[in-house]
């Protein structure tokens, strides 16, 4: 699968901000082979690696939001769960993809990006990823309840993961302009009200969990 990375300005009450938008430019169906791969390893995907390299090539704070589109409205590109998968396989795949995607989310947080939105998906993807977010969020809440006092770096990472998972949003069909100019300005304003706490969570998390290279298990 190939993707296009584009940068878009966003006007907010606090000043101009910038979103990095990832758009598929070729079809990709995610099925049983990917599920088996993720069962063996939760390391990040090739697409996420492309995004990580792009962000790393820019100064810290260049981007304020990350947007991943499920389809290209002006071309043949799309990203879909294989419809041949059963409902439980889709749910498991969604969960493992979500865990794998945390590698990118953590890297984004370290780069100052706390707003992550996926949109232009079908019902199957939204259903699978929403269920995955609920499951992962529940696991993180339970883990947070067992945190030490004072919290260890892994405890702090659990708090960061929980915020990222609970804040992450999935949308069905929506115009990109609507997202960029009506949804994101409000969401960025909300997020910026919590920046001091979020930056403290990043600073207190293990460096190895934020490098964007490998899956880091904070439950150990």
Foldseek 3Di string as FASTA:
>chain_A
DDWDWDKDWFQAPVGIAIEIEIAFAAEDEDEDVVLVVLVVFLAADPVLVVVLVVLVVDAQRNHAEYEYEQHDPVHHYGYYYPPVDDLVSLLSSLLSNVLSCVLSCLLCLVSNHQHYEYEAYDPSNCVNNVSNLVVLLVVLVVLLVVADVVGALLNLVSVLVNSSSVRYYYYHDDDPCCCRHPPVNVVSVVVVVCSVVSVVSSVSHDPVSNPSGGRDDSSD
